[in-house]
Amino acid sequence: CGISPSTVTRFCKTFHFKGFPDLKMKLAGELAQKPNDNAY
């Protein structure tokens, strides 16, 4: 992305993740979920 690792860390904290590993874990969990057929 052409940025520093510290920017990634601050970005994660901005969105209330504990850090980059936490972001990856939660994103992976969401991507593994079956798509919701009941869209709004």
PDB file of all heavy atoms in Angstrom:
ATOM      1  N   CYS A   1       0.814  -1.222   0.000  1.00  0.00           N
ATOM      2  CA  CYS A   1       0.000   0.000   0.000  1.00  0.00           C
ATOM      3  C   CYS A   1       0.847   1.272   0.000  1.00  0.00           C
ATOM      4  O   CYS A   1       0.300   2.384  -0.063  1.00  0.00           O
ATOM      5  CB  CYS A   1      -0.931   0.010   1.211  1.00  0.00           C
ATOM      6  SG  CYS A   1      -2.115  -1.345   1.238  1.00  0.00           S
ATOM      7  N   GLY A   2       2.163   1.116   0.090  1.00  0.00           N
ATOM      8  CA  GLY A   2       3.044   2.277   0.104  1.00  0.00           C
ATOM      9  C   GLY A   2       2.928   3.101   1.377  1.00  0.00           C
ATOM     10  O   GLY A   2       3.028   4.336   1.342  1.00  0.00           O
ATOM     11  N   ILE A   3       2.726   2.417   2.491  1.00  0.00           N
ATOM     12  CA  ILE A   3       2.593   3.111   3.776  1.00  0.00           C
ATOM     13  C   ILE A   3       3.493   2.416   4.789  1.00  0.00           C
ATOM     14  O   ILE A   3       4.101   1.383   4.508  1.00  0.00           O
ATOM     15  CB  ILE A   3       1.139   3.106   4.277  1.00  0.00           C
ATOM     16  CG1 ILE A   3       0.629   1.659   4.433  1.00  0.00           C
ATOM     17  CG2 ILE A   3       0.236   3.878   3.315  1.00  0.00           C
ATOM     18  CD1 ILE A   3      -0.778   1.540   4.972  1.00  0.00           C
ATOM     19  N   SER A   4       3.554   2.944   6.002  1.00  0.00           N
ATOM     20  CA  SER A   4       4.382   2.351   7.047  1.00  0.00           C
ATOM     21  C   SER A   4       3.569   1.353   7.875  1.00  0.00           C
ATOM     22  O   SER A   4       2.335   1.471   7.962  1.00  0.00           O
ATOM     23  CB  SER A   4       4.927   3.446   7.974  1.00  0.00           C
ATOM     24  OG  SER A   4       3.865   4.037   8.708  1.00  0.00           O
ATOM     25  N   PRO A   5       4.227   0.386   8.495  1.00  0.00           N
ATOM     26  CA  PRO A   5       3.521  -0.553   9.380  1.00  0.00           C
ATOM     27  C   PRO A   5       2.784   0.153  10.516  1.00  0.00           C
ATOM     28  O   PRO A   5       1.721  -0.303  10.939  1.00  0.00           O
ATOM     29  CB  PRO A   5       4.650  -1.446   9.920  1.00  0.00           C
ATOM     30  CG  PRO A   5       5.695  -1.408   8.851  1.00  0.00           C
ATOM     31  CD  PRO A   5       5.648  -0.001   8.317  1.00  0.00           C
ATOM     32  N   SER A   6       3.345   1.258  10.995  1.00  0.00           N
ATOM     33  CA  SER A   6       2.688   1.996  12.082  1.00  0.00           C
ATOM     34  C   SER A   6       1.343   2.565  11.628  1.00  0.00           C
ATOM     35  O   SER A   6       0.407   2.677  12.425  1.00  0.00           O
ATOM     36  CB  SER A   6       3.585   3.117  12.606  1.00  0.00           C
ATOM     37  OG  SER A   6       3.878   4.051  11.580  1.00  0.00           O
ATOM     38  N   THR A   7       1.252   2.921  10.336  1.00  0.00           N
ATOM     39  CA  THR A   7      -0.025   3.412   9.800  1.00  0.00           C
ATOM     40  C   THR A   7      -1.067   2.295   9.809  1.00  0.00           C
ATOM     41  O   THR A   7      -2.238   2.528  10.111  1.00  0.00           O
ATOM     42  CB  THR A   7       0.155   3.944   8.365  1.00  0.00           C
ATOM     43  OG1 THR A   7       1.088   5.023   8.376  1.00  0.00           O
ATOM     44  CG2 THR A   7      -1.172   4.439   7.796  1.00  0.00           C
ATOM     45  N   VAL A   8      -0.633   1.076   9.485  1.00  0.00           N
ATOM     46  CA  VAL A   8      -1.544  -0.076   9.531  1.00  0.00           C
ATOM     47  C   VAL A   8      -2.039  -0.286  10.959  1.00  0.00           C
ATOM     48  O   VAL A   8      -3.237  -0.515  11.192  1.00  0.00           O
ATOM     49  CB  VAL A   8      -0.848  -1.356   9.018  1.00  0.00           C
ATOM     50  CG1 VAL A   8      -1.797  -2.551   9.118  1.00  0.00           C
ATOM     51  CG2 VAL A   8      -0.371  -1.168   7.579  1.00  0.00           C
ATOM     52  N   THR A   9      -1.131  -0.186  11.910  1.00  0.00           N
ATOM     53  CA  THR A   9      -1.503  -0.372  13.316  1.00  0.00           C
ATOM     54  C   THR A   9      -2.496   0.691  13.769  1.00  0.00           C
ATOM     55  O   THR A   9      -3.501   0.382  14.427  1.00  0.00           O
ATOM     56  CB  THR A   9      -0.255  -0.322  14.215  1.00  0.00           C
ATOM     57  OG1 THR A   9       0.644  -1.370  13.823  1.00  0.00           O
ATOM     58  CG2 THR A   9      -0.627  -0.497  15.674  1.00  0.00           C
ATOM     59  N   ARG A  10      -2.237   1.958  13.421  1.00  0.00           N
ATOM     60  CA  ARG A  10      -3.156   3.041  13.798  1.00  0.00           C
ATOM     61  C   ARG A  10      -4.519   2.848  13.130  1.00  0.00           C
ATOM     62  O   ARG A  10      -5.560   3.095  13.734  1.00  0.00           O
ATOM     63  CB  ARG A  10      -2.568   4.401  13.408  1.00  0.00           C
ATOM     64  CG  ARG A  10      -1.441   4.875  14.295  1.00  0.00           C
ATOM     65  CD  ARG A  10      -1.175   6.356  14.083  1.00  0.00           C
ATOM     66  NE  ARG A  10      -0.836   6.648  12.698  1.00  0.00           N
ATOM     67  CZ  ARG A  10       0.401   6.624  12.218  1.00  0.00           C
ATOM     68  NH1 ARG A  10       1.417   6.288  13.011  1.00  0.00           N
ATOM     69  NH2 ARG A  10       0.634   6.910  10.947  1.00  0.00           N
ATOM     70  N   PHE A  11      -4.493   2.405  11.888  1.00  0.00           N
ATOM     71  CA  PHE A  11      -5.728   2.144  11.152  1.00  0.00           C
ATOM     72  C   PHE A  11      -6.563   1.091  11.886  1.00  0.00           C
ATOM     73  O   PHE A  11      -7.784   1.244  12.035  1.00  0.00           O
ATOM     74  CB  PHE A  11      -5.371   1.657   9.743  1.00  0.00           C
ATOM     75  CG  PHE A  11      -6.542   1.272   8.884  1.00  0.00           C
ATOM     76  CD1 PHE A  11      -7.191   2.220   8.099  1.00  0.00           C
ATOM     77  CD2 PHE A  11      -6.997  -0.045   8.844  1.00  0.00           C
ATOM     78  CE1 PHE A  11      -8.262   1.867   7.286  1.00  0.00           C
ATOM     79  CE2 PHE A  11      -8.068  -0.407   8.035  1.00  0.00           C
ATOM     80  CZ  PHE A  11      -8.703   0.546   7.263  1.00  0.00           C
ATOM     81  N   CYS A  12      -5.924   0.039  12.331  1.00  0.00           N
ATOM     82  CA  CYS A  12      -6.626  -1.028  13.056  1.00  0.00           C
ATOM     83  C   CYS A  12      -7.231  -0.489  14.349  1.00  0.00           C
ATOM     84  O   CYS A  12      -8.382  -0.812  14.684  1.00  0.00           O
ATOM     85  CB  CYS A  12      -5.672  -2.176  13.365  1.00  0.00           C
ATOM     86  SG  CYS A  12      -5.105  -3.073  11.896  1.00  0.00           S
ATOM     87  N   LYS A  13      -6.493   0.324  15.084  1.00  0.00           N
ATOM     88  CA  LYS A  13      -7.007   0.894  16.336  1.00  0.00           C
ATOM     89  C   LYS A  13      -8.178   1.828  16.059  1.00  0.00           C
ATOM     90  O   LYS A  13      -9.133   1.887  16.840  1.00  0.00           O
ATOM     91  CB  LYS A  13      -5.885   1.643  17.055  1.00  0.00           C
ATOM     92  CG  LYS A  13      -4.738   0.757  17.519  1.00  0.00           C
ATOM     93  CD  LYS A  13      -5.177  -0.227  18.579  1.00  0.00           C
ATOM     94  CE  LYS A  13      -4.061  -1.169  19.002  1.00  0.00           C
ATOM     95  NZ  LYS A  13      -2.892  -0.474  19.586  1.00  0.00           N
ATOM     96  N   THR A  14      -8.121   2.566  14.943  1.00  0.00           N
ATOM     97  CA  THR A  14      -9.214   3.470  14.585  1.00  0.00           C
ATOM     98  C   THR A  14     -10.527   2.712  14.432  1.00  0.00           C
ATOM     99  O   THR A  14     -11.588   3.212  14.816  1.00  0.00           O
ATOM    100  CB  THR A  14      -8.884   4.205  13.260  1.00  0.00           C
ATOM    101  OG1 THR A  14      -7.735   5.028  13.465  1.00  0.00           O
ATOM    102  CG2 THR A  14     -10.053   5.074  12.808  1.00  0.00           C
ATOM    103  N   PHE A  15     -10.436   1.502  13.875  1.00  0.00           N
ATOM    104  CA  PHE A  15     -11.629   0.695  13.661  1.00  0.00           C
ATOM    105  C   PHE A  15     -11.845  -0.327  14.784  1.00  0.00           C
ATOM    106  O   PHE A  15     -12.525  -1.323  14.607  1.00  0.00           O
ATOM    107  CB  PHE A  15     -11.564   0.010  12.297  1.00  0.00           C
ATOM    108  CG  PHE A  15     -11.796   0.962  11.157  1.00  0.00           C
ATOM    109  CD1 PHE A  15     -10.732   1.606  10.528  1.00  0.00           C
ATOM    110  CD2 PHE A  15     -13.087   1.255  10.734  1.00  0.00           C
ATOM    111  CE1 PHE A  15     -10.949   2.499   9.488  1.00  0.00           C
ATOM    112  CE2 PHE A  15     -13.309   2.146   9.696  1.00  0.00           C
ATOM    113  CZ  PHE A  15     -12.247   2.779   9.077  1.00  0.00           C
ATOM    114  N   HIS A  16     -11.235  -0.053  15.939  1.00  0.00           N
ATOM    115  CA  HIS A  16     -11.471  -0.811  17.172  1.00  0.00           C
ATOM    116  C   HIS A  16     -11.020  -2.260  17.113  1.00  0.00           C
ATOM    117  O   HIS A  16     -11.609  -3.130  17.750  1.00  0.00           O
ATOM    118  CB  HIS A  16     -12.957  -0.734  17.557  1.00  0.00           C
ATOM    119  CG  HIS A  16     -13.443   0.660  17.768  1.00  0.00           C
ATOM    120  ND1 HIS A  16     -13.221   1.358  18.929  1.00  0.00           N
ATOM    121  CD2 HIS A  16     -14.120   1.492  16.944  1.00  0.00           C
ATOM    122  CE1 HIS A  16     -13.758   2.566  18.826  1.00  0.00           C
ATOM    123  NE2 HIS A  16     -14.295   2.671  17.620  1.00  0.00           N
ATOM    124  N   PHE A  17      -9.952  -2.511  16.359  1.00  0.00           N
ATOM    125  CA  PHE A  17      -9.305  -3.807  16.420  1.00  0.00           C
ATOM    126  C   PHE A  17      -8.127  -3.708  17.388  1.00  0.00           C
ATOM    127  O   PHE A  17      -7.558  -2.625  17.571  1.00  0.00           O
ATOM    128  CB  PHE A  17      -8.802  -4.241  15.039  1.00  0.00           C
ATOM    129  CG  PHE A  17      -9.899  -4.441  14.032  1.00  0.00           C
ATOM    130  CD1 PHE A  17     -10.126  -3.514  13.023  1.00  0.00           C
ATOM    131  CD2 PHE A  17     -10.718  -5.555  14.105  1.00  0.00           C
ATOM    132  CE1 PHE A  17     -11.140  -3.687  12.105  1.00  0.00           C
ATOM    133  CE2 PHE A  17     -11.739  -5.745  13.175  1.00  0.00           C
ATOM    134  CZ  PHE A  17     -11.954  -4.807  12.181  1.00  0.00           C
ATOM    135  N   LYS A  18      -7.759  -4.832  17.984  1.00  0.00           N
ATOM    136  CA  LYS A  18      -6.654  -4.822  18.946  1.00  0.00           C
ATOM    137  C   LYS A  18      -5.309  -4.682  18.241  1.00  0.00           C
ATOM    138  O   LYS A  18      -4.310  -4.355  18.874  1.00  0.00           O
ATOM    139  CB  LYS A  18      -6.693  -6.098  19.781  1.00  0.00           C
ATOM    140  CG  LYS A  18      -7.955  -6.197  20.638  1.00  0.00           C
ATOM    141  CD  LYS A  18      -8.090  -7.577  21.259  1.00  0.00           C
ATOM    142  CE  LYS A  18      -9.413  -7.695  22.000  1.00  0.00           C
ATOM    143  NZ  LYS A  18      -9.648  -9.062  22.515  1.00  0.00           N
ATOM    144  N   GLY A  19      -5.309  -4.937  16.951  1.00  0.00           N
ATOM    145  CA  GLY A  19      -4.092  -4.852  16.156  1.00  0.00           C
ATOM    146  C   GLY A  19      -4.337  -5.525  14.820  1.00  0.00           C
ATOM    147  O   GLY A  19      -5.455  -5.977  14.532  1.00  0.00           O
ATOM    148  N   PHE A  20      -3.304  -5.618  13.989  1.00  0.00           N
ATOM    149  CA  PHE A  20      -3.474  -6.222  12.671  1.00  0.00           C
ATOM    150  C   PHE A  20      -3.856  -7.707  12.744  1.00  0.00           C
ATOM    151  O   PHE A  20      -4.720  -8.157  11.985  1.00  0.00           O
ATOM    152  CB  PHE A  20      -2.198  -6.028  11.845  1.00  0.00           C
ATOM    153  CG  PHE A  20      -2.307  -6.527  10.433  1.00  0.00           C
ATOM    154  CD1 PHE A  20      -3.336  -6.105   9.602  1.00  0.00           C
ATOM    155  CD2 PHE A  20      -1.383  -7.440   9.931  1.00  0.00           C
ATOM    156  CE1 PHE A  20      -3.448  -6.581   8.297  1.00  0.00           C
ATOM    157  CE2 PHE A  20      -1.478  -7.910   8.633  1.00  0.00           C
ATOM    158  CZ  PHE A  20      -2.525  -7.483   7.816  1.00  0.00           C
ATOM    159  N   PRO A  21      -3.264  -8.489  13.660  1.00  0.00           N
ATOM    160  CA  PRO A  21      -3.683  -9.896  13.760  1.00  0.00           C
ATOM    161  C   PRO A  21      -5.176 -10.033  14.090  1.00  0.00           C
ATOM    162  O   PRO A  21      -5.845 -10.937  13.580  1.00  0.00           O
ATOM    163  CB  PRO A  21      -2.812 -10.455  14.894  1.00  0.00           C
ATOM    164  CG  PRO A  21      -1.586  -9.590  14.871  1.00  0.00           C
ATOM    165  CD  PRO A  21      -2.094  -8.217  14.532  1.00  0.00           C
ATOM    166  N   ASP A  22      -5.682  -9.135  14.924  1.00  0.00           N
ATOM    167  CA  ASP A  22      -7.104  -9.170  15.277  1.00  0.00           C
ATOM    168  C   ASP A  22      -7.970  -8.848  14.062  1.00  0.00           C
ATOM    169  O   ASP A  22      -9.002  -9.496  13.829  1.00  0.00           O
ATOM    170  CB  ASP A  22      -7.378  -8.166  16.401  1.00  0.00           C
ATOM    171  CG  ASP A  22      -8.801  -8.248  16.935  1.00  0.00           C
ATOM    172  OD1 ASP A  22      -9.311  -9.370  17.095  1.00  0.00           O
ATOM    173  OD2 ASP A  22      -9.411  -7.185  17.185  1.00  0.00           O
ATOM    174  N   LEU A  23      -7.555  -7.858  13.262  1.00  0.00           N
ATOM    175  CA  LEU A  23      -8.272  -7.522  12.033  1.00  0.00           C
ATOM    176  C   LEU A  23      -8.300  -8.727  11.092  1.00  0.00           C
ATOM    177  O   LEU A  23      -9.355  -9.084  10.542  1.00  0.00           O
ATOM    178  CB  LEU A  23      -7.608  -6.331  11.341  1.00  0.00           C
ATOM    179  CG  LEU A  23      -8.042  -6.045   9.888  1.00  0.00           C
ATOM    180  CD1 LEU A  23      -9.537  -5.760   9.814  1.00  0.00           C
ATOM    181  CD2 LEU A  23      -7.250  -4.877   9.309  1.00  0.00           C
ATOM    182  N   LYS A  24      -7.159  -9.368  10.903  1.00  0.00           N
ATOM    183  CA  LYS A  24      -7.097 -10.520   9.991  1.00  0.00           C
ATOM    184  C   LYS A  24      -7.985 -11.663  10.481  1.00  0.00           C
ATOM    185  O   LYS A  24      -8.691 -12.289   9.685  1.00  0.00           O
ATOM    186  CB  LYS A  24      -5.643 -11.010   9.867  1.00  0.00           C
ATOM    187  CG  LYS A  24      -4.732 -10.080   9.107  1.00  0.00           C
ATOM    188  CD  LYS A  24      -3.494 -10.808   8.595  1.00  0.00           C
ATOM    189  CE  LYS A  24      -2.653 -11.371   9.709  1.00  0.00           C
ATOM    190  NZ  LYS A  24      -1.456 -12.069   9.187  1.00  0.00           N
ATOM    191  N   MET A  25      -7.954 -11.925  11.783  1.00  0.00           N
ATOM    192  CA  MET A  25      -8.736 -13.032  12.330  1.00  0.00           C
ATOM    193  C   MET A  25     -10.236 -12.793  12.128  1.00  0.00           C
ATOM    194  O   MET A  25     -10.972 -13.693  11.702  1.00  0.00           O
ATOM    195  CB  MET A  25      -8.429 -13.202  13.818  1.00  0.00           C
ATOM    196  CG  MET A  25      -9.195 -14.343  14.485  1.00  0.00           C
ATOM    197  SD  MET A  25      -8.861 -14.469  16.252  1.00  0.00           S
ATOM    198  CE  MET A  25      -9.638 -12.942  16.843  1.00  0.00           C
ATOM    199  N   LYS A  26     -10.702 -11.573  12.418  1.00  0.00           N
ATOM    200  CA  LYS A  26     -12.130 -11.275  12.306  1.00  0.00           C
ATOM    201  C   LYS A  26     -12.562 -11.192  10.844  1.00  0.00           C
ATOM    202  O   LYS A  26     -13.672 -11.620  10.495  1.00  0.00           O
ATOM    203  CB  LYS A  26     -12.455  -9.980  13.052  1.00  0.00           C
ATOM    204  CG  LYS A  26     -12.338 -10.161  14.555  1.00  0.00           C
ATOM    205  CD  LYS A  26     -12.594  -8.882  15.330  1.00  0.00           C
ATOM    206  CE  LYS A  26     -12.498  -9.165  16.826  1.00  0.00           C
ATOM    207  NZ  LYS A  26     -12.600  -7.936  17.633  1.00  0.00           N
ATOM    208  N   LEU A  27     -11.697 -10.670   9.999  1.00  0.00           N
ATOM    209  CA  LEU A  27     -12.018 -10.618   8.580  1.00  0.00           C
ATOM    210  C   LEU A  27     -12.091 -12.028   8.010  1.00  0.00           C
ATOM    211  O   LEU A  27     -13.009 -12.345   7.228  1.00  0.00           O
ATOM    212  CB  LEU A  27     -10.964  -9.792   7.836  1.00  0.00           C
ATOM    213  CG  LEU A  27     -11.180  -9.610   6.331  1.00  0.00           C
ATOM    214  CD1 LEU A  27     -12.521  -8.941   6.046  1.00  0.00           C
ATOM    215  CD2 LEU A  27     -10.036  -8.778   5.727  1.00  0.00           C
ATOM    216  N   ALA A  28     -11.169 -12.880   8.399  1.00  0.00           N
ATOM    217  CA  ALA A  28     -11.181 -14.269   7.931  1.00  0.00           C
ATOM    218  C   ALA A  28     -12.453 -14.973   8.381  1.00  0.00           C
ATOM    219  O   ALA A  28     -13.051 -15.744   7.621  1.00  0.00           O
ATOM    220  CB  ALA A  28      -9.948 -15.010   8.453  1.00  0.00           C
ATOM    221  N   GLY A  29     -12.872 -14.703   9.604  1.00  0.00           N
ATOM    222  CA  GLY A  29     -14.104 -15.307  10.117  1.00  0.00           C
ATOM    223  C   GLY A  29     -15.317 -14.887   9.317  1.00  0.00           C
ATOM    224  O   GLY A  29     -16.196 -15.711   9.013  1.00  0.00           O
ATOM    225  N   GLU A  30     -15.373 -13.607   8.949  1.00  0.00           N
ATOM    226  CA  GLU A  30     -16.500 -13.116   8.161  1.00  0.00           C
ATOM    227  C   GLU A  30     -16.487 -13.692   6.751  1.00  0.00           C
ATOM    228  O   GLU A  30     -17.530 -14.069   6.218  1.00  0.00           O
ATOM    229  CB  GLU A  30     -16.482 -11.588   8.106  1.00  0.00           C
ATOM    230  CG  GLU A  30     -16.853 -10.928   9.414  1.00  0.00           C
ATOM    231  CD  GLU A  30     -17.031  -9.427   9.291  1.00  0.00           C
ATOM    232  OE1 GLU A  30     -16.847  -8.880   8.183  1.00  0.00           O
ATOM    233  OE2 GLU A  30     -17.339  -8.805  10.310  1.00  0.00           O
ATOM    234  N   LEU A  31     -15.314 -13.763   6.156  1.00  0.00           N
ATOM    235  CA  LEU A  31     -15.217 -14.284   4.787  1.00  0.00           C
ATOM    236  C   LEU A  31     -15.560 -15.770   4.729  1.00  0.00           C
ATOM    237  O   LEU A  31     -16.005 -16.265   3.686  1.00  0.00           O
ATOM    238  CB  LEU A  31     -13.805 -14.049   4.243  1.00  0.00           C
ATOM    239  CG  LEU A  31     -13.390 -12.585   4.051  1.00  0.00           C
ATOM    240  CD1 LEU A  31     -11.932 -12.506   3.606  1.00  0.00           C
ATOM    241  CD2 LEU A  31     -14.297 -11.881   3.049  1.00  0.00           C
ATOM    242  N   ALA A  32     -15.367 -16.463   5.844  1.00  0.00           N
ATOM    243  CA  ALA A  32     -15.666 -17.895   5.880  1.00  0.00           C
ATOM    244  C   ALA A  32     -17.146 -18.171   6.077  1.00  0.00           C
ATOM    245  O   ALA A  32     -17.606 -19.295   5.859  1.00  0.00           O
ATOM    246  CB  ALA A  32     -14.875 -18.565   6.999  1.00  0.00           C
ATOM    247  N   GLN A  33     -17.891 -17.141   6.505  1.00  0.00           N
ATOM    248  CA  GLN A  33     -19.316 -17.321   6.738  1.00  0.00           C
ATOM    249  C   GLN A  33     -20.053 -17.505   5.416  1.00  0.00           C
ATOM    250  O   GLN A  33     -19.720 -16.888   4.400  1.00  0.00           O
ATOM    251  CB  GLN A  33     -19.893 -16.097   7.459  1.00  0.00           C
ATOM    252  CG  GLN A  33     -19.414 -15.929   8.881  1.00  0.00           C
ATOM    253  CD  GLN A  33     -20.117 -16.851   9.854  1.00  0.00           C
ATOM    254  OE1 GLN A  33     -21.117 -17.471   9.516  1.00  0.00           O
ATOM    255  NE2 GLN A  33     -19.593 -16.946  11.056  1.00  0.00           N
ATOM    256  N   LYS A  34     -21.094 -18.310   5.461  1.00  0.00           N
ATOM    257  CA  LYS A  34     -21.951 -18.470   4.290  1.00  0.00           C
ATOM    258  C   LYS A  34     -22.656 -17.156   4.019  1.00  0.00           C
ATOM    259  O   LYS A  34     -23.160 -16.515   4.951  1.00  0.00           O
ATOM    260  CB  LYS A  34     -23.003 -19.566   4.547  1.00  0.00           C
ATOM    261  CG  LYS A  34     -23.937 -19.813   3.370  1.00  0.00           C
ATOM    262  CD  LYS A  34     -24.948 -20.896   3.710  1.00  0.00           C
ATOM    263  CE  LYS A  34     -25.912 -21.095   2.554  1.00  0.00           C
ATOM    264  NZ  LYS A  34     -26.942 -22.125   2.855  1.00  0.00           N
ATOM    265  N   PRO A  35     -22.684 -16.677   2.776  1.00  0.00           N
ATOM    266  CA  PRO A  35     -23.364 -15.415   2.473  1.00  0.00           C
ATOM    267  C   PRO A  35     -24.801 -15.432   2.961  1.00  0.00           C
ATOM    268  O   PRO A  35     -25.487 -16.443   2.874  1.00  0.00           O
ATOM    269  CB  PRO A  35     -23.303 -15.349   0.930  1.00  0.00           C
ATOM    270  CG  PRO A  35     -22.146 -16.198   0.562  1.00  0.00           C
ATOM    271  CD  PRO A  35     -22.091 -17.293   1.581  1.00  0.00           C
ATOM    272  N   ASN A  36     -25.223 -14.287   3.504  1.00  0.00           N
ATOM    273  CA  ASN A  36     -26.569 -14.178   4.050  1.00  0.00           C
ATOM    274  C   ASN A  36     -27.567 -13.923   2.924  1.00  0.00           C
ATOM    275  O   ASN A  36     -27.514 -12.899   2.251  1.00  0.00           O
ATOM    276  CB  ASN A  36     -26.607 -13.025   5.063  1.00  0.00           C
ATOM    277  CG  ASN A  36     -27.869 -13.037   5.894  1.00  0.00           C
ATOM    278  OD1 ASN A  36     -28.825 -13.733   5.591  1.00  0.00           O
ATOM    279  ND2 ASN A  36     -27.858 -12.262   6.958  1.00  0.00           N
ATOM    280  N   ASP A  37     -28.488 -14.871   2.736  1.00  0.00           N
ATOM    281  CA  ASP A  37     -29.487 -14.727   1.680  1.00  0.00           C
ATOM    282  C   ASP A  37     -30.555 -13.698   2.033  1.00  0.00           C
ATOM    283  O   ASP A  37     -31.278 -13.218   1.172  1.00  0.00           O
ATOM    284  CB  ASP A  37     -30.163 -16.072   1.398  1.00  0.00           C
ATOM    285  CG  ASP A  37     -29.182 -17.088   0.820  1.00  0.00           C
ATOM    286  OD1 ASP A  37     -28.245 -16.642   0.122  1.00  0.00           O
ATOM    287  OD2 ASP A  37     -29.351 -18.288   1.075  1.00  0.00           O
ATOM    288  N   ASN A  38     -30.661 -13.402   3.333  1.00  0.00           N
ATOM    289  CA  ASN A  38     -31.700 -12.474   3.778  1.00  0.00           C
ATOM    290  C   ASN A  38     -31.176 -11.044   3.778  1.00  0.00           C
ATOM    291  O   ASN A  38     -30.974 -10.443   4.825  1.00  0.00           O
ATOM    292  CB  ASN A  38     -32.184 -12.862   5.185  1.00  0.00           C
ATOM    293  CG  ASN A  38     -32.820 -14.233   5.202  1.00  0.00           C
ATOM    294  OD1 ASN A  38     -33.687 -14.527   4.391  1.00  0.00           O
ATOM    295  ND2 ASN A  38     -32.374 -15.089   6.122  1.00  0.00           N
ATOM    296  N   ALA A  39     -30.919 -10.485   2.608  1.00  0.00           N
ATOM    297  CA  ALA A  39     -30.392  -9.132   2.514  1.00  0.00           C
ATOM    298  C   ALA A  39     -31.464  -8.136   2.954  1.00  0.00           C
ATOM    299  O   ALA A  39     -32.662  -8.391   2.841  1.00  0.00           O
ATOM    300  CB  ALA A  39     -29.967  -8.837   1.083  1.00  0.00           C
ATOM    301  N   TYR A  40     -31.008  -6.976   3.448  1.00  0.00           N
ATOM    302  CA  TYR A  40     -31.950  -5.951   3.887  1.00  0.00           C
ATOM    303  C   TYR A  40     -32.809  -5.494   2.717  1.00  0.00           C
ATOM    304  O   TYR A  40     -32.327  -5.275   1.612  1.00  0.00           O
ATOM    305  CB  TYR A  40     -31.192  -4.756   4.476  1.00  0.00           C
ATOM    306  CG  TYR A  40     -30.540  -5.061   5.792  1.00  0.00           C
ATOM    307  CD1 TYR A  40     -29.177  -5.299   5.880  1.00  0.00           C
ATOM    308  CD2 TYR A  40     -31.295  -5.121   6.959  1.00  0.00           C
ATOM    309  CE1 TYR A  40     -28.574  -5.592   7.090  1.00  0.00           C
ATOM    310  CE2 TYR A  40     -30.701  -5.406   8.174  1.00  0.00           C
ATOM    311  CZ  TYR A  40     -29.342  -5.647   8.232  1.00  0.00           C
ATOM    312  OH  TYR A  40     -28.754  -5.931   9.434  1.00  0.00           O
TER     313      TYR A  40
END
